[in-house]
Protein backbone atom coordinates (compact mmCIF):
# COMPACT_ATOMS: atom_id res chain seq x y z
CA MET A 1 -12.12 -20.86 -3.12
CA GLY A 2 -10.21 -23.11 -1.63
CA VAL A 3 -9.04 -23.69 2.00
CA ALA A 4 -5.44 -22.92 3.09
CA VAL A 5 -5.69 -23.71 6.74
CA ASN A 6 -7.62 -25.75 8.83
CA LEU A 7 -7.25 -26.81 12.17
CA ARG A 8 -9.85 -28.67 14.22
CA SER A 9 -9.25 -28.85 17.91
CA ALA A 10 -5.34 -28.64 17.23
CA VAL A 11 -2.95 -29.05 20.04
CA CYS A 12 0.16 -27.76 21.02
CA LEU A 13 2.98 -28.42 23.41
CA LEU A 14 5.48 -26.69 24.52
CA GLY A 15 7.34 -29.36 27.02
CA ARG A 16 4.03 -30.51 28.58
CA PHE A 17 2.58 -27.19 28.81
CA PRO A 18 -0.40 -27.13 26.15
CA ALA A 19 0.46 -23.88 24.38
CA LEU A 20 -2.33 -24.49 21.88
CA ALA A 21 -5.24 -25.99 23.44
CA GLY A 22 -7.53 -26.85 21.36
CA VAL A 23 -7.71 -24.27 18.34
CA ASP A 24 -9.84 -24.00 15.74
CA LEU A 25 -9.12 -22.12 12.54
CA VAL A 26 -9.97 -22.19 8.69
CA VAL A 27 -8.76 -19.86 6.83
CA ALA A 28 -9.71 -19.38 2.91
CA SER A 29 -6.77 -19.17 0.44
CA GLY A 30 -6.31 -15.26 -0.42
CA GLU A 31 -7.45 -14.24 2.91
CA ILE A 32 -5.40 -11.77 5.19
CA VAL A 33 -6.37 -12.64 8.69
CA LEU A 34 -5.01 -10.93 11.65
CA VAL A 35 -4.65 -13.29 15.07
CA GLN A 36 -4.89 -11.10 18.58
CA GLY A 37 -4.67 -11.90 22.12
CA ALA A 38 -2.54 -11.02 25.18
CA ASN A 39 1.16 -12.47 25.54
CA GLY A 40 1.22 -15.50 26.20
CA ALA A 41 -2.30 -16.27 24.75
CA GLY A 42 -0.13 -19.21 21.85
CA LYS A 43 -0.24 -16.66 18.67
CA THR A 44 3.72 -17.21 18.20
CA THR A 45 3.01 -21.00 18.71
CA LEU A 46 -0.04 -21.25 16.55
CA LEU A 47 2.56 -19.12 13.58
CA ARG A 48 5.04 -21.84 13.91
CA ALA A 49 2.66 -24.80 13.93
CA LEU A 50 1.53 -23.33 10.57
CA ALA A 51 4.94 -23.32 9.12
CA GLY A 52 5.51 -26.92 10.55
CA LEU A 53 7.95 -26.43 13.27
CA VAL A 54 6.12 -26.97 15.94
CA PRO A 55 4.30 -30.40 16.05
CA VAL A 56 0.35 -30.86 16.45
CA VAL A 57 -0.08 -33.82 18.60
CA GLU A 58 -3.93 -33.88 18.99
CA GLY A 59 -6.53 -33.09 16.82
CA GLU A 60 -6.52 -32.01 12.86
CA ALA A 61 -4.40 -29.76 10.89
CA GLU A 62 -4.16 -29.42 7.32
CA VAL A 63 -2.08 -26.55 5.69
CA LEU A 64 -2.00 -26.09 1.94
CA GLY A 65 -3.39 -29.76 1.90
CA HIS A 66 -0.41 -30.74 3.95
CA ASP A 67 -1.40 -33.20 6.38
CA LEU A 68 0.88 -31.89 9.43
CA ARG A 69 -0.21 -34.96 11.60
CA ARG A 70 1.75 -36.90 8.96
CA ASP A 71 4.28 -34.84 7.44
CA ARG A 72 5.26 -31.27 8.23
CA ARG A 73 8.98 -31.37 6.55
CA SER A 74 7.16 -31.23 3.28
CA LEU A 75 5.21 -28.34 4.02
CA ARG A 76 8.42 -25.99 4.70
CA CYS A 77 9.21 -24.68 1.31
CA HIS A 78 5.96 -23.20 0.70
CA VAL A 79 5.96 -21.50 3.61
CA GLY A 80 7.18 -18.32 4.70
CA LEU A 81 7.87 -17.41 8.55
CA LEU A 82 8.77 -13.95 9.44
CA GLY A 83 9.57 -14.06 13.33
CA HIS A 84 11.09 -11.55 16.01
CA GLY A 85 14.47 -12.49 15.31
CA PRO A 86 15.89 -11.77 11.55
CA GLY A 87 16.81 -15.05 10.67
CA LEU A 88 20.18 -14.23 9.19
CA TYR A 89 23.30 -15.94 9.03
CA ASP A 90 25.58 -13.08 10.54
CA ASP A 91 28.56 -13.77 9.14
CA LEU A 92 27.15 -13.94 5.29
CA SER A 93 26.21 -11.01 3.27
CA VAL A 94 22.51 -9.98 2.50
CA ALA A 95 23.06 -11.43 -0.92
CA ASP A 96 24.27 -14.56 0.21
CA ASN A 97 21.51 -14.91 2.96
CA LEU A 98 19.27 -13.97 -0.08
CA ARG A 99 20.47 -16.51 -2.36
CA PHE A 100 20.32 -19.31 0.39
CA TRP A 101 16.89 -18.64 1.43
CA ALA A 102 15.53 -18.03 -2.22
CA ARG A 103 17.40 -21.16 -3.13
CA ALA A 104 15.41 -23.31 -0.53
CA ALA A 105 12.28 -22.13 -1.74
CA GLY A 106 13.23 -23.44 -5.72
CA GLY A 107 13.70 -19.54 -6.52
CA ASP A 108 16.59 -18.23 -8.06
CA GLY A 109 19.00 -15.12 -8.89
CA ASP A 110 16.16 -12.92 -10.54
CA ASP A 111 14.23 -13.64 -7.10
CA VAL A 112 16.84 -12.40 -5.24
CA THR A 113 17.05 -8.80 -7.32
CA ARG A 114 13.52 -8.52 -7.39
CA ALA A 115 13.37 -8.87 -3.31
CA ALA A 116 16.62 -6.71 -2.55
CA ALA A 117 15.07 -3.84 -4.71
CA ARG A 118 11.32 -4.07 -3.26
CA MET A 119 12.99 -3.49 0.31
CA GLY A 120 15.91 -0.79 -1.02
CA LEU A 121 18.61 -2.74 -0.34
CA ASP A 122 21.38 -1.07 -2.58
CA GLY A 123 24.95 -2.48 -3.36
CA ARG A 124 26.63 -1.42 -0.19
CA LEU A 125 24.26 -2.88 1.88
CA LEU A 126 23.59 -5.75 -0.32
CA GLU A 127 27.64 -6.74 0.57
CA ALA A 128 27.59 -5.94 4.33
CA ALA A 129 27.73 -8.92 6.45
CA ALA A 130 24.18 -9.32 8.24
CA GLY A 131 26.03 -9.13 11.72
CA ARG A 132 26.65 -5.43 10.70
CA LEU A 133 23.40 -4.16 9.86
CA SER A 134 21.10 -1.63 12.03
CA THR A 135 17.89 -3.30 13.59
CA GLY A 136 15.94 -1.69 10.82
CA GLN A 137 18.34 -3.17 8.00
CA ARG A 138 18.35 -6.21 9.41
CA ARG A 139 14.43 -6.34 9.36
CA ARG A 140 14.44 -4.83 6.03
CA ALA A 141 16.74 -8.19 5.10
CA ALA A 142 14.70 -10.14 6.70
CA LEU A 143 11.49 -9.24 4.71
CA ALA A 144 13.44 -9.49 1.20
CA ALA A 145 14.19 -12.68 2.04
CA LEU A 146 10.91 -14.04 2.67
CA VAL A 147 9.57 -11.99 -0.51
CA ALA A 148 12.64 -14.04 -2.43
CA ARG A 149 11.29 -17.09 -1.28
CA LYS A 150 7.92 -16.28 -2.65
CA PRO A 151 6.03 -18.50 -0.18
CA ARG A 152 2.28 -19.72 -0.88
CA LEU A 153 1.32 -18.83 3.20
CA TRP A 154 3.11 -15.94 4.86
CA LEU A 155 3.26 -15.96 8.18
CA LEU A 156 4.24 -12.88 10.19
CA ASP A 157 4.84 -12.51 13.60
CA GLU A 158 4.63 -8.52 14.76
CA PRO A 159 6.34 -7.66 10.96
CA HIS A 160 5.99 -3.98 11.74
CA ALA A 161 8.45 -4.15 14.73
CA GLY A 162 11.70 -2.04 14.18
CA LEU A 163 10.95 -0.29 11.15
CA ASP A 164 9.94 3.43 10.57
CA ALA A 165 6.84 4.51 9.54
CA ALA A 166 7.96 4.21 5.51
CA GLY A 167 8.91 0.65 6.25
CA ARG A 168 5.99 0.09 7.97
CA ASP A 169 4.13 1.06 4.57
CA VAL A 170 6.00 -0.88 2.42
CA VAL A 171 4.99 -4.45 4.75
CA ASP A 172 1.74 -3.64 4.25
CA GLY A 173 2.53 -3.02 0.64
CA LEU A 174 4.03 -6.55 0.64
CA VAL A 175 1.00 -8.22 1.89
CA ARG A 176 -1.16 -6.45 -0.33
CA GLU A 177 0.92 -7.70 -3.41
CA ALA A 178 1.54 -11.03 -2.06
CA VAL A 179 -2.70 -11.76 -1.89
CA ASP A 180 -2.85 -10.10 -5.38
CA GLY A 181 -0.72 -12.84 -6.21
CA GLY A 182 -2.40 -15.87 -5.20
CA ALA A 183 -0.77 -16.01 -1.24
CA THR A 184 -2.46 -16.06 2.13
CA VAL A 185 -1.41 -14.35 4.61
CA VAL A 186 -1.95 -14.78 8.81
CA LEU A 187 -0.39 -12.33 10.98
CA ALA A 188 -0.02 -11.37 14.70
CA SER A 189 0.67 -8.08 16.10
CA HIS A 190 -0.15 -5.71 18.58
CA GLU A 191 -0.51 -2.70 16.31
CA LEU A 192 -3.76 -3.49 16.14
CA GLU A 193 -5.08 0.12 14.12
CA ARG A 194 -2.69 -0.32 11.39
CA ALA A 195 -2.96 -4.30 10.95
CA ARG A 196 -7.02 -4.09 11.32
CA ALA A 197 -6.70 -1.80 8.33
CA LEU A 198 -4.27 -4.31 6.71
CA ALA A 199 -6.54 -8.08 7.53
CA ASP A 200 -9.95 -9.40 5.89
CA ARG A 201 -10.75 -10.15 9.69
CA SER A 202 -9.56 -11.34 12.91
CA VAL A 203 -9.77 -13.84 15.33
CA VAL A 204 -8.27 -13.73 18.95
CA LEU A 205 -6.80 -16.36 20.81
CA ALA A 206 -7.29 -16.56 24.72
CA GLY A 207 -5.35 -19.63 26.83
CA GLY A 208 -4.17 -21.51 23.83
CA ARG A 209 -7.89 -21.24 22.53
CA THR A 210 -9.30 -19.54 19.66
CA VAL A 211 -12.32 -17.41 21.23
CA ALA A 212 -15.53 -15.60 20.01
CA GLY A 213 -13.74 -12.50 18.54
CA PRO A 214 -13.64 -9.65 17.62
CA ALA A 215 -11.96 -8.15 20.76
CA ASP A 216 -9.83 -5.12 21.40
CA HIS A 217 -6.45 -6.19 23.07
CA ALA A 218 -7.36 -4.54 26.23
CA GLY A 219 -10.23 -6.69 26.53
CA ILE A 220 -8.77 -10.00 26.58
CA ALA A 221 -5.56 -9.07 28.35
CA ASP A 222 -6.45 -11.15 31.36
CA ALA A 223 -8.12 -13.78 29.49
CA ALA A 224 -4.61 -15.87 29.20
CA PRO A 225 -1.61 -16.95 31.18
CA SER A 226 1.67 -15.05 30.63
CA VAL A 227 3.53 -17.90 28.95
CA PRO A 228 6.45 -17.10 27.09
CA GLU A 229 6.77 -18.29 23.85
CA PRO A 230 9.95 -19.34 21.56
CA THR A 231 11.41 -16.94 19.13
CA GLU A 232 13.46 -19.22 16.80
CA PRO A 233 14.31 -18.78 13.18
CA VAL A 234 12.65 -16.36 10.85
CA HIS A 235 12.46 -18.29 7.47
CA VAL A 236 11.61 -21.80 7.03
CA ALA A 237 13.75 -24.03 4.83
């Protein structure tokens, strides 16, 4: 089995603050890995770094065979990041959003059709402007855009947020299907019972570093300073 993610003493800065202060992380291809940690521990920054959106300024960082210290851009068409926001263009229809993100990753209309059906997006919702959707509908559209991209590495930041029980079950099904299809998944979640049942294993971040785990969220809540992390685009083009 190959290695999808290999970080050694990786450092990322937000301004002058080391949001990641020496992370070691190895994820095998086909794994589902849960990243735990208190608010401000570096979870969002870690996912954004793995997506090639935040530069790694020290240490070693290789994702899907791409050296992030040398070239982050070429990685992006192989990665899908679901962040806190929907990452949709509000003035475009849901269908146009799905087509845009599918094409950005080399997909086609069949990928869009399958993704929309998988997330239960019917004709009315597909033609609606993304900005007019409810919170739950926007989340489903964002997930459909991720599915349409068919990324090799799924990076999920609180993927169950904004969804009802049925929607959360759909997310779990999507993750398992992605892995069955050869993808790798790294997710961060505060819904530890559900996320642990989904993941193969857990790692813990505290103070921008990986620490020995597993540990529950309450047990690590005081281990890291509360530093806000950015919540920018959902998908990577």
